[in-house]
C-alpha cells in the first residue's frame, strides 16, 4: 500500500518563488493554464546545458507573460533547479523505450499537450534506422489513445546534428504528422532549428543558446496550436478545493453546475444540501434535505471536495488516526447514493485542523495539503490515492506567512483552476498569493497588497467559493445565526473591487 510520508523540502525558496514579479489580480479570467508534458530523451532532460532544464526553461519563461495561455509542465520526473522542473525526460532512450512507458505516464499526468522530441538515438545507434519514423508515428498514436483530447506537438530532429539520416527522418515525420492532422488528429509538427557548431555541445546535444532556439520553436508551435483551437485546457472542474472553515456550514459544488452550494453538517453528523439557484431574491435554493447520515459528530474531520474530477464535491473523512476515506458523490441519499473509494491515504497527522483538500495542480481533483503549525505547506498530488495510482510528493511548496492554520484558506481568485494561498489577518484583511506552481515549481505571484480590507476579524465566519459560477472564488460570510452574505469577486480592492449581493440566505 502506498502511504503518505513526511515530505522532504527540496529547493524551497519561500512563499514567493525567486524572480516572481508582482501581478495585480484582474477581474477577467486569467489566461488558461495548459498542462504540458515535455517527453523525450536527454535533450528534453537538458543534458549539456547549464540550467538542467534545456529548452523547457526558455519556453516556460515565454509563457509567464503570454496573453493566450500559461504553461504548467507535468510529468513523473523533476530536473533543473529553477522554474517549473516537471517533465517526462528519459535519457539515452530510443523510441520504443519511450513507447513502453508513455501510455502510463500520460494517463497519470493528464497533460493537455505533449511536446514530443525523440528519435536521434535510433538514428545514432539503432539497428532499424529506416523504420524510426514509423515507430515515432506509433508512439504518437499511443499517446493520443491514452489521453483522449490531448494535443501532440512533434519536433523534428536538429538538422545540423552530426547524425546520418536526420533530413530523411524529418521529412517522413513531417509527412505523417500532416496526414494525421488532415484526418482530424490533434497532431502538429514543428521544425527543429538549425544550430551552429557553437550552439552545439557535442554531436547530439545543444548548449544553452541552442536550447533557447529549441524553446522558441516549441513555443511558436504550441502558440499556433492554441490559436488554431487545436490545443486547449481539458480540466474545467472547479470543485476540487474546499471552501475553508470547519463549522456547520460549508460551500461546495454538489451538483456540478459550477456554483457553490450550501452544505450543512448538523450536530449529529447528518449532512443536508441546499442547491444554489441564486439565493434569496435571485432564484432561491433547492433543498435536497438529508443526503448523508454522516460518519462522525466531529465536524472538523468532514470535508467536501472533488476527489475523482467529475466536477462534484465528494464526502471526505479524516479519521482520528489521520487516515483519509472518500465517499464519491453520486447524488447522495435518495438521489443516487454514494460510492465508497475506501481509505485513500494513511495521512500525515492526526490533527485535522492542519489538513486541507485543495486542487493545487489544476487537474480538477483535490490534493492533500498539510499546513504545519509553524507555517510551511506540504502538498501531495492526487493520482488516485493508496491502491489506485498513489500520490506524487510535491514537497514543501510554501514556507507560509502565518503560524495559525485556521487563518489559511485556498481560493482561486484569478480563475485559472489552481488553488491560491490566502491568509486572513487578525485585522480581517485578505492577502492571496497566486499559485504559479509553488516553491521549486514556478513559485508564486507576489501581491501588491491585500485583495480585501476584510469584513470581519473572526476568520471562522469567512469562506471562499465560486458562488456565481464565473470561475472566480467569491467571499462568503456566514453569521452566527446562519444567515449568509456574499461579495462577488470583481478583481478585489486593487482592481475592480467586489459586488456586495447582501444577504442571500436568512439561515437554516
Protein backbone atom coordinates (compact mmCIF):
# COMPACT_ATOMS: atom_id res chain seq x y z
CA UNK A 1 0.00 0.00 0.00
CA UNK A 2 1.22 3.45 -0.86
CA UNK A 3 1.10 5.80 2.09
CA UNK A 4 1.77 9.45 2.63
CA UNK A 5 5.07 10.01 4.35
CA UNK A 6 6.61 13.19 5.66
CA UNK A 7 7.83 15.30 2.78
CA UNK A 8 11.36 16.50 2.34
CA UNK A 9 11.69 20.12 1.30
CA UNK A 10 13.70 20.33 -1.88
CA UNK A 11 14.64 23.69 -3.36
CA UNK A 12 12.42 25.64 -1.00
CA UNK A 13 12.71 29.32 -1.78
CA UNK A 14 9.99 30.75 0.44
CA UNK A 15 6.38 31.51 -0.26
CA UNK A 16 7.21 33.77 -3.16
CA UNK A 17 9.21 31.97 -5.85
CA UNK A 18 12.50 33.52 -6.86
CA UNK A 19 12.12 36.06 -9.60
CA UNK A 20 8.32 36.22 -9.38
CA UNK A 21 7.01 39.63 -10.35
CA UNK A 22 4.13 41.42 -8.64
CA UNK A 23 0.91 40.88 -10.52
CA UNK A 24 -2.33 42.64 -9.72
CA UNK A 25 -5.38 40.43 -9.94
CA UNK A 26 -7.68 41.21 -12.84
CA UNK A 27 -11.44 40.98 -13.00
CA UNK A 28 -11.28 39.00 -16.23
CA UNK A 29 -10.33 35.30 -16.26
CA UNK A 30 -6.60 34.65 -16.29
CA UNK A 31 -5.10 33.01 -19.37
CA UNK A 32 -5.80 29.28 -19.24
CA UNK A 33 -3.06 27.14 -17.80
CA UNK A 34 -2.07 24.31 -20.12
CA UNK A 35 -0.68 21.14 -18.58
CA UNK A 36 2.28 20.43 -20.86
CA UNK A 37 4.37 17.24 -20.77
CA UNK A 38 7.89 17.51 -22.26
CA UNK A 39 8.54 13.94 -23.45
CA UNK A 40 11.76 12.63 -24.89
CA UNK A 41 15.38 11.69 -24.27
CA UNK A 42 18.42 13.50 -22.86
CA UNK A 43 17.75 16.61 -24.96
CA UNK A 44 14.40 17.01 -23.21
CA UNK A 45 16.27 16.48 -19.95
CA UNK A 46 18.56 19.39 -20.81
CA UNK A 47 21.81 17.41 -20.93
CA UNK A 48 24.91 19.56 -21.58
CA UNK A 49 23.00 22.75 -20.73
CA UNK A 50 23.95 24.80 -17.69
CA UNK A 51 20.42 25.08 -16.20
CA UNK A 52 19.41 21.42 -16.15
CA UNK A 53 16.19 22.50 -17.86
CA UNK A 54 17.23 22.67 -21.51
CA UNK A 55 14.59 24.07 -23.86
CA UNK A 56 11.97 23.85 -21.08
CA UNK A 57 13.22 26.95 -19.24
CA UNK A 58 13.00 29.46 -22.13
CA UNK A 59 9.65 28.02 -23.19
CA UNK A 60 8.22 28.33 -19.67
CA UNK A 61 9.59 31.86 -19.29
CA UNK A 62 7.90 32.94 -22.53
CA UNK A 63 4.55 31.68 -21.23
CA UNK A 64 4.67 33.68 -17.98
CA UNK A 65 3.55 36.89 -19.66
CA UNK A 66 1.71 35.39 -22.61
CA UNK A 67 -1.82 36.62 -23.27
CA UNK A 68 -3.33 33.35 -24.52
CA UNK A 69 -2.02 30.72 -22.09
CA UNK A 70 0.46 29.82 -19.38
CA UNK A 71 2.41 26.59 -19.17
CA UNK A 72 2.45 24.16 -16.27
CA UNK A 73 4.90 21.37 -17.00
CA UNK A 74 3.79 17.93 -15.81
CA UNK A 75 5.43 14.52 -15.62
CA UNK A 76 6.77 11.99 -13.15
CA UNK A 77 10.32 13.37 -13.18
CA UNK A 78 11.87 16.62 -11.97
CA UNK A 79 15.08 18.06 -13.40
CA UNK A 80 16.53 21.52 -13.04
CA UNK A 81 16.80 23.86 -10.05
CA UNK A 82 14.84 26.83 -11.43
CA UNK A 83 11.40 27.39 -12.88
CA UNK A 84 8.99 24.52 -13.44
CA UNK A 85 11.05 21.33 -13.32
CA UNK A 86 8.41 18.64 -14.04
CA UNK A 87 9.00 16.59 -17.17
CA UNK A 88 8.99 13.12 -18.70
CA UNK A 89 12.58 13.02 -19.99
CA UNK A 90 14.39 9.69 -20.08
CA UNK A 91 18.00 9.98 -21.17
CA UNK A 92 19.65 7.63 -23.67
CA UNK A 93 16.29 6.18 -24.72
CA UNK A 94 15.14 5.04 -28.13
CA UNK A 95 11.61 5.43 -29.45
CA UNK A 96 10.42 2.02 -28.32
CA UNK A 97 11.76 2.68 -24.82
CA UNK A 98 9.53 5.75 -24.59
CA UNK A 99 6.67 3.88 -26.23
CA UNK A 100 6.70 1.27 -23.48
CA UNK A 101 6.12 3.83 -20.74
CA UNK A 102 4.29 6.67 -22.47
CA UNK A 103 0.68 5.47 -22.06
CA UNK A 104 1.09 5.14 -18.30
CA UNK A 105 2.94 8.44 -17.95
CA UNK A 106 0.30 10.29 -19.96
CA UNK A 107 -2.62 8.76 -18.07
CA UNK A 108 -1.01 9.64 -14.73
CA UNK A 109 -0.04 13.24 -15.54
CA UNK A 110 -3.12 14.07 -17.65
CA UNK A 111 -1.44 16.64 -19.92
CA UNK A 112 -3.34 18.89 -22.30
CA UNK A 113 -0.30 18.94 -24.61
CA UNK A 114 2.66 16.61 -25.12
CA UNK A 115 5.85 18.11 -26.57
CA UNK A 116 7.50 15.12 -28.25
CA UNK A 117 11.16 15.10 -29.26
CA UNK A 118 12.61 11.62 -29.74
CA UNK A 119 14.49 9.57 -32.32
CA UNK A 120 18.07 10.79 -32.51
CA UNK A 121 19.36 7.77 -30.57
CA UNK A 122 17.57 5.45 -33.01
CA UNK A 123 19.49 7.06 -35.86
CA UNK A 124 22.75 7.27 -33.93
CA UNK A 125 22.97 3.70 -32.64
CA UNK A 126 19.78 1.85 -33.60
CA UNK A 127 19.60 -1.32 -35.65
CA UNK A 128 16.46 -0.46 -37.64
CA UNK A 129 17.05 3.14 -38.57
CA UNK A 130 14.86 3.17 -41.66
CA UNK A 131 11.69 2.48 -39.67
CA UNK A 132 12.37 5.04 -36.93
CA UNK A 133 9.76 7.50 -38.31
CA UNK A 134 7.13 4.75 -38.31
CA UNK A 135 7.97 3.90 -34.70
CA UNK A 136 7.54 7.57 -33.75
CA UNK A 137 4.15 7.58 -35.51
CA UNK A 138 3.10 4.53 -33.49
CA UNK A 139 4.25 6.25 -30.29
CA UNK A 140 2.16 9.31 -31.19
CA UNK A 141 -0.91 7.14 -31.77
CA UNK A 142 -0.49 5.50 -28.36
CA UNK A 143 -0.27 8.90 -26.66
CA UNK A 144 -3.47 10.02 -28.38
CA UNK A 145 -5.24 6.82 -27.35
CA UNK A 146 -4.05 7.01 -23.74
CA UNK A 147 -5.29 10.58 -23.27
CA UNK A 148 -8.33 11.45 -25.40
CA UNK A 149 -8.27 15.15 -26.23
CA UNK A 150 -4.52 15.58 -25.81
CA UNK A 151 -2.55 17.50 -28.42
CA UNK A 152 0.85 16.18 -29.54
CA UNK A 153 3.35 18.73 -30.86
CA UNK A 154 6.19 16.80 -32.53
CA UNK A 155 9.52 18.47 -33.16
CA UNK A 156 11.86 17.11 -35.77
CA UNK A 157 15.49 16.34 -35.01
CA UNK A 158 18.14 19.05 -35.07
CA UNK A 159 19.15 19.14 -38.75
CA UNK A 160 22.71 20.18 -38.03
CA UNK A 161 23.39 17.36 -35.55
CA UNK A 162 26.22 15.11 -36.69
CA UNK A 163 23.96 12.07 -37.23
CA UNK A 164 23.31 10.49 -40.63
CA UNK A 165 19.71 10.19 -41.75
CA UNK A 166 18.23 13.22 -39.94
CA UNK A 167 16.88 15.03 -43.06
CA UNK A 168 15.08 11.92 -44.30
CA UNK A 169 13.71 11.21 -40.81
CA UNK A 170 12.35 14.74 -40.52
CA UNK A 171 10.68 14.59 -43.94
CA UNK A 172 8.86 11.37 -43.10
CA UNK A 173 7.77 12.59 -39.67
CA UNK A 174 6.51 15.87 -41.11
CA UNK A 175 4.55 13.97 -43.78
CA UNK A 176 2.77 11.62 -41.38
CA UNK A 177 2.12 14.42 -38.87
CA UNK A 178 0.48 16.45 -41.64
CA UNK A 179 -1.56 13.42 -42.70
CA UNK A 180 -2.76 12.78 -39.15
CA UNK A 181 -3.70 16.44 -38.71
CA UNK A 182 -5.57 16.36 -42.00
CA UNK A 183 -7.54 13.36 -40.75
CA UNK A 184 -8.58 15.30 -37.64
CA UNK A 185 -5.97 14.13 -35.13
CA UNK A 186 -4.62 16.74 -32.71
CA UNK A 187 -1.05 16.46 -34.01
CA UNK A 188 1.21 19.26 -35.12
CA UNK A 189 4.77 19.26 -36.47
CA UNK A 190 7.47 21.79 -35.58
CA UNK A 191 10.74 22.15 -37.48
CA UNK A 192 13.77 21.90 -35.21
CA UNK A 193 16.08 24.90 -35.50
CA UNK A 194 19.32 24.59 -37.43
CA UNK A 195 22.02 25.22 -34.84
CA UNK A 196 25.53 26.48 -35.48
CA UNK A 197 28.57 24.50 -34.26
CA UNK A 198 28.92 27.00 -31.41
CA UNK A 199 25.35 26.25 -30.30
CA UNK A 200 26.05 22.51 -30.06
CA UNK A 201 27.88 20.99 -27.09
CA UNK A 202 28.57 17.73 -28.94
CA UNK A 203 27.27 15.85 -31.96
CA UNK A 204 23.80 15.41 -30.39
CA UNK A 205 23.18 17.94 -27.64
CA UNK A 206 22.76 21.74 -27.74
CA UNK A 207 24.34 24.32 -25.48
CA UNK A 208 22.18 26.92 -23.74
CA UNK A 209 21.95 29.08 -26.88
CA UNK A 210 20.76 26.07 -28.86
CA UNK A 211 18.24 25.12 -26.20
CA UNK A 212 16.92 28.69 -26.28
CA UNK A 213 16.21 28.32 -30.00
CA UNK A 214 14.52 24.96 -29.41
CA UNK A 215 12.35 26.51 -26.70
CA UNK A 216 11.35 29.34 -29.01
CA UNK A 217 10.46 26.89 -31.79
CA UNK A 218 8.38 24.69 -29.49
CA UNK A 219 6.67 27.77 -28.05
CA UNK A 220 5.77 29.02 -31.52
CA UNK A 221 4.30 25.63 -32.39
CA UNK A 222 2.37 25.49 -29.12
CA UNK A 223 1.08 29.05 -29.58
CA UNK A 224 -0.14 28.25 -33.08
CA UNK A 225 -1.88 25.11 -31.83
CA UNK A 226 -3.70 27.20 -29.23
CA UNK A 227 -4.54 29.97 -31.70
CA UNK A 228 -5.89 27.41 -34.19
CA UNK A 229 -8.08 25.89 -31.49
CA UNK A 230 -6.23 22.57 -31.53
CA UNK A 231 -4.64 22.74 -28.08
CA UNK A 232 -6.85 23.67 -25.14
CA UNK A 233 -7.21 23.18 -21.41
CA UNK A 234 -9.18 19.99 -20.79
CA UNK A 235 -9.63 20.27 -16.99
CA UNK A 236 -12.51 22.59 -16.19
CA UNK A 237 -13.66 21.23 -12.82
CA UNK A 238 -13.98 23.80 -10.03
CA UNK A 239 -14.98 21.61 -7.08
CA UNK A 240 -11.54 20.36 -6.10
CA UNK A 241 -10.86 22.89 -3.34
CA UNK A 242 -12.74 23.04 -0.04
CA UNK A 243 -14.13 26.43 0.91
CA UNK A 244 -12.37 26.69 4.28
CA UNK A 245 -13.54 26.54 7.85
CA UNK A 246 -14.72 23.55 9.88
CA UNK A 247 -18.02 24.90 11.20
CA UNK A 248 -21.55 23.65 10.46
CA UNK A 249 -21.85 25.47 7.09
CA UNK A 250 -19.62 24.59 4.12
CA UNK A 251 -19.67 25.55 0.47
CA UNK A 252 -19.01 23.17 -2.42
CA UNK A 253 -20.41 22.41 -5.86
CA UNK A 254 -22.69 19.47 -5.08
CA UNK A 255 -24.49 19.10 -8.42
CA UNK A 256 -21.70 20.04 -10.84
CA UNK A 257 -23.26 23.22 -12.21
CA UNK A 258 -20.20 25.35 -11.37
CA UNK A 259 -21.82 27.20 -8.46
CA UNK A 260 -21.05 26.53 -4.79
CA UNK A 261 -23.96 25.02 -2.89
CA UNK A 262 -24.69 25.32 0.82
CA UNK A 263 -23.82 22.19 2.79
CA UNK A 264 -24.87 21.95 6.43
CA UNK A 265 -23.20 19.46 8.77
CA UNK A 266 -25.53 19.09 11.74
CA UNK A 267 -24.52 18.30 15.32
CA UNK A 268 -25.49 14.65 14.78
CA UNK A 269 -23.24 14.39 11.72
CA UNK A 270 -26.17 14.40 9.29
CA UNK A 271 -25.43 16.30 6.08
CA UNK A 272 -28.02 18.45 4.34
CA UNK A 273 -27.63 20.23 0.99
CA UNK A 274 -29.32 23.34 -0.35
CA UNK A 275 -28.58 23.80 -4.04
CA UNK A 276 -27.64 27.34 -5.04
CA UNK A 277 -30.18 28.74 -7.52
CA UNK A 278 -29.06 32.31 -6.92
CA UNK A 279 -30.06 32.78 -3.29
CA UNK A 280 -32.85 34.74 -1.64
CA UNK A 281 -34.45 37.12 -4.11
CA UNK A 282 -32.36 35.77 -7.02
CA UNK A 283 -33.76 32.32 -7.68
CA UNK A 284 -33.66 30.90 -4.18
CA UNK A 285 -32.47 27.50 -3.02
CA UNK A 286 -33.41 23.92 -3.79
CA UNK A 287 -33.41 21.93 -0.56
CA UNK A 288 -32.32 18.32 -1.15
CA UNK A 289 -32.77 17.58 2.53
CA UNK A 290 -30.60 14.93 4.15
CA UNK A 291 -28.10 13.48 1.69
CA UNK A 292 -25.95 11.59 4.24
CA UNK A 293 -26.37 10.25 7.76
CA UNK A 294 -22.73 11.13 8.34
CA UNK A 295 -19.90 9.14 9.86
CA UNK A 296 -18.81 11.36 12.75
CA UNK A 297 -20.09 14.09 15.03
CA UNK A 298 -16.68 15.80 14.86
CA UNK A 299 -17.32 18.30 12.07
CA UNK A 300 -13.69 19.27 11.57
CA UNK A 301 -13.00 15.75 10.27
CA UNK A 302 -15.57 16.11 7.49
CA UNK A 303 -14.63 17.88 4.25
CA UNK A 304 -16.21 18.34 0.83
CA UNK A 305 -14.04 18.45 -2.30
CA UNK A 306 -13.92 16.72 -5.67
CA UNK A 307 -11.83 13.55 -5.41
CA UNK A 308 -12.43 11.98 -8.83
CA UNK A 309 -12.58 15.07 -11.04
CA UNK A 310 -16.22 14.76 -12.11
CA UNK A 311 -16.99 18.35 -11.05
CA UNK A 312 -18.99 17.37 -7.96
CA UNK A 313 -17.78 17.56 -4.38
CA UNK A 314 -17.35 14.27 -2.52
CA UNK A 315 -17.55 13.44 1.20
CA UNK A 316 -14.05 13.15 2.71
CA UNK A 317 -13.48 11.82 6.21
CA UNK A 318 -10.28 12.29 8.21
CA UNK A 319 -10.23 9.59 10.90
CA UNK A 320 -8.86 10.04 14.41
CA UNK A 321 -5.71 8.24 13.27
CA UNK A 322 -5.28 10.68 10.38
CA UNK A 323 -6.21 8.27 7.59
CA UNK A 324 -8.44 9.57 4.82
CA UNK A 325 -11.51 7.87 3.36
CA UNK A 326 -13.60 9.14 0.47
CA UNK A 327 -17.24 8.61 -0.42
CA UNK A 328 -17.88 9.58 -4.03
CA UNK A 329 -20.91 11.76 -4.62
CA UNK A 330 -23.41 10.01 -6.86
CA UNK A 331 -26.18 12.30 -5.69
CA UNK A 332 -26.33 11.33 -2.03
CA UNK A 333 -29.06 9.59 -0.04
CA UNK A 334 -32.25 9.43 -2.05
CA UNK A 335 -30.63 10.99 -5.11
CA UNK A 336 -28.29 8.32 -6.45
CA UNK A 337 -26.36 7.36 -3.34
CA UNK A 338 -22.63 7.06 -2.74
CA UNK A 339 -19.69 5.04 -3.97
CA UNK A 340 -17.06 4.12 -1.41
CA UNK A 341 -13.49 4.88 -2.52
CA UNK A 342 -12.31 3.44 0.82
CA UNK A 343 -9.11 4.51 2.57
CA UNK A 344 -7.06 6.56 0.13
CA UNK A 345 -4.26 7.74 2.44
CA UNK A 346 -2.75 6.91 5.81
CA UNK A 347 -2.32 10.66 6.36
CA UNK A 348 0.44 12.77 7.85
CA UNK A 349 -1.16 14.00 11.05
CA UNK A 350 -3.95 13.25 13.50
CA UNK A 351 -4.66 16.96 13.76
CA UNK A 352 -7.41 17.51 11.20
CA UNK A 353 -7.03 21.29 11.53
CA UNK A 354 -3.71 21.05 9.68
CA UNK A 355 -5.17 19.18 6.69
CA UNK A 356 -6.60 20.89 3.62
CA UNK A 357 -8.02 19.40 0.45
CA UNK A 358 -7.18 21.67 -2.47
CA UNK A 359 -6.79 21.40 -6.23
CA UNK A 360 -3.19 22.51 -6.25
CA UNK A 361 -2.25 21.44 -9.79
CA UNK A 362 -5.45 22.40 -11.58
CA UNK A 363 -6.39 18.91 -12.78
CA UNK A 364 -9.89 19.05 -11.29
CA UNK A 365 -9.08 16.60 -8.48
CA UNK A 366 -8.46 17.57 -4.89
CA UNK A 367 -4.95 17.12 -3.48
CA UNK A 368 -3.75 16.64 0.11
CA UNK A 369 -2.15 19.70 1.69
CA UNK A 370 -0.64 19.86 5.16
CA UNK A 371 -0.41 23.32 6.75
CA UNK A 372 2.05 22.86 9.59
CA UNK A 373 1.66 24.87 12.82
CA UNK A 374 4.91 26.72 12.09
CA UNK A 375 3.70 27.78 8.63
CA UNK A 376 5.16 25.55 5.88
CA UNK A 377 2.78 23.85 3.45
CA UNK A 378 3.39 20.38 2.04
CA UNK A 379 1.38 19.02 -0.89
CA UNK A 380 0.77 15.53 -2.23
CA UNK A 381 -0.87 15.44 -5.66
CA UNK A 382 -3.81 13.06 -6.01
CA UNK A 383 -3.04 10.36 -8.56
CA UNK A 384 -5.79 8.08 -7.31
CA UNK A 385 -4.67 7.51 -3.74
CA UNK A 386 -3.48 4.37 -1.98
CA UNK A 387 -4.02 1.31 -4.14
CA UNK A 388 -5.35 3.35 -7.07
CA UNK A 389 -2.39 5.24 -8.53
CA UNK A 390 -0.93 6.68 -5.35
CA UNK A 391 0.32 10.19 -4.69
CA UNK A 392 3.01 12.45 -6.09
CA UNK A 393 5.05 14.13 -3.37
CA UNK A 394 5.43 17.78 -4.35
CA UNK A 395 7.36 18.52 -1.14
CA UNK A 396 7.15 21.81 0.71
CA UNK A 397 5.62 24.25 -1.76
CA UNK A 398 5.49 27.28 0.57
CA UNK A 399 7.17 28.40 3.77
CA UNK A 400 3.92 30.13 4.66
CA UNK A 401 3.16 33.53 6.15
CA UNK A 402 1.25 32.55 9.30
CA UNK A 403 1.62 30.04 12.11
CA UNK A 404 -2.15 29.82 12.58
CA UNK A 405 -3.59 27.21 10.16
CA UNK A 406 -7.12 28.46 10.88
CA UNK A 407 -6.26 31.68 9.02
CA UNK A 408 -5.20 29.88 5.85
CA UNK A 409 -7.69 29.47 3.01
CA UNK A 410 -7.24 28.16 -0.51
CA UNK A 411 -9.01 30.07 -3.26
CA UNK A 412 -8.98 30.56 -7.00
CA UNK A 413 -9.39 34.31 -7.37
CA UNK A 414 -7.79 34.59 -10.81
CA UNK A 415 -9.87 31.83 -12.39
CA UNK A 416 -7.04 29.65 -13.70
CA UNK A 417 -8.22 26.49 -11.91
CA UNK A 418 -5.31 26.44 -9.45
CA UNK A 419 -5.88 26.94 -5.72
CA UNK A 420 -4.10 30.04 -4.42
CA UNK A 421 -2.67 30.52 -0.91
CA UNK A 422 -4.78 33.04 1.01
CA UNK A 423 -4.33 34.36 4.55
CA UNK A 424 -6.85 36.14 6.78
CA UNK A 425 -5.03 38.62 9.01
CA UNK A 426 -6.11 39.47 12.55
CA UNK A 427 -7.41 42.77 11.16
CA UNK A 428 -9.62 40.85 8.73
CA UNK A 429 -7.55 41.81 5.68
CA UNK A 430 -7.31 39.15 2.98
CA UNK A 431 -3.99 38.58 1.20
CA UNK A 432 -3.60 36.00 -1.55
CA UNK A 433 -0.53 34.61 -3.31
CA UNK A 434 -1.35 33.37 -6.80
CA UNK A 435 -0.26 29.80 -7.38
CA UNK A 436 2.27 29.52 -10.21
CA UNK A 437 3.36 26.02 -9.14
CA UNK A 438 4.77 26.74 -5.69
CA UNK A 439 8.35 26.69 -4.44
CA UNK A 440 10.59 24.84 -6.89
CA UNK A 441 7.83 24.53 -9.48
CA UNK A 442 7.16 28.05 -10.73
CA UNK A 443 6.76 29.97 -7.48
CA UNK A 444 4.04 32.44 -6.52
CA UNK A 445 2.86 35.78 -7.82
CA UNK A 446 3.59 38.42 -5.19
CA UNK A 447 0.58 40.51 -4.13
CA UNK A 448 0.82 44.28 -4.28
CA UNK A 449 -1.34 44.38 -1.15
CA UNK A 450 -4.45 42.80 0.36
CA UNK A 451 -7.22 41.92 -2.06
CA UNK A 452 -9.67 42.97 0.63
CA UNK A 453 -9.52 45.11 3.75
CA UNK A 454 -11.83 42.49 5.24
CA UNK A 455 -15.37 42.36 6.56
CA UNK A 456 -14.80 40.69 9.93
CA UNK A 457 -11.99 39.92 12.34
CA UNK A 458 -13.46 36.47 13.05
CA UNK A 459 -11.85 34.21 10.45
CA UNK A 460 -14.25 31.39 11.35
CA UNK A 461 -17.05 33.23 9.55
CA UNK A 462 -15.18 33.57 6.24
CA UNK A 463 -15.23 31.09 3.36
CA UNK A 464 -14.20 31.39 -0.27
CA UNK A 465 -16.01 29.57 -3.06
CA UNK A 466 -17.39 30.30 -6.52
CA UNK A 467 -20.91 31.47 -5.75
CA UNK A 468 -21.96 32.69 -9.20
CA UNK A 469 -20.18 30.15 -11.41
CA UNK A 470 -17.84 32.58 -13.19
CA UNK A 471 -14.70 30.63 -12.30
CA UNK A 472 -13.53 33.05 -9.59
CA UNK A 473 -13.80 32.48 -5.84
CA UNK A 474 -16.14 34.84 -4.01
CA UNK A 475 -16.22 35.85 -0.33
CA UNK A 476 -19.00 34.14 1.64
CA UNK A 477 -19.73 35.34 5.16
CA UNK A 478 -21.85 33.15 7.43
CA UNK A 479 -23.09 34.84 10.59
CA UNK A 480 -23.64 33.11 13.93
CA UNK A 481 -27.38 32.89 13.20
CA UNK A 482 -26.70 31.07 9.92
CA UNK A 483 -27.55 33.96 7.61
CA UNK A 484 -25.27 34.37 4.62
CA UNK A 485 -23.86 37.41 2.85
CA UNK A 486 -21.92 37.19 -0.41
CA UNK A 487 -19.40 39.53 -2.02
CA UNK A 488 -18.69 38.62 -5.63
CA UNK A 489 -15.10 38.91 -6.84
CA UNK A 490 -14.54 41.58 -9.49
CA UNK A 491 -10.79 41.85 -9.11
CA UNK A 492 -10.53 42.74 -5.43
CA UNK A 493 -9.68 46.02 -3.77
CA UNK A 494 -6.82 46.74 -6.17
CA UNK A 495 -8.56 46.05 -9.47
CA UNK A 496 -12.32 46.21 -9.82
CA UNK A 497 -13.47 45.64 -6.25
CA UNK A 498 -16.35 43.42 -5.10
CA UNK A 499 -20.08 43.28 -5.76
CA UNK A 500 -21.99 43.04 -2.49
CA UNK A 501 -25.07 40.86 -3.02
CA UNK A 502 -26.07 41.44 0.56
CA UNK A 503 -27.92 38.68 2.39
CA UNK A 504 -28.56 35.67 0.16
CA UNK A 505 -29.93 33.40 2.88
CA UNK A 506 -31.77 34.04 6.12
CA UNK A 507 -30.20 30.94 7.61
CA UNK A 508 -31.33 27.41 8.35
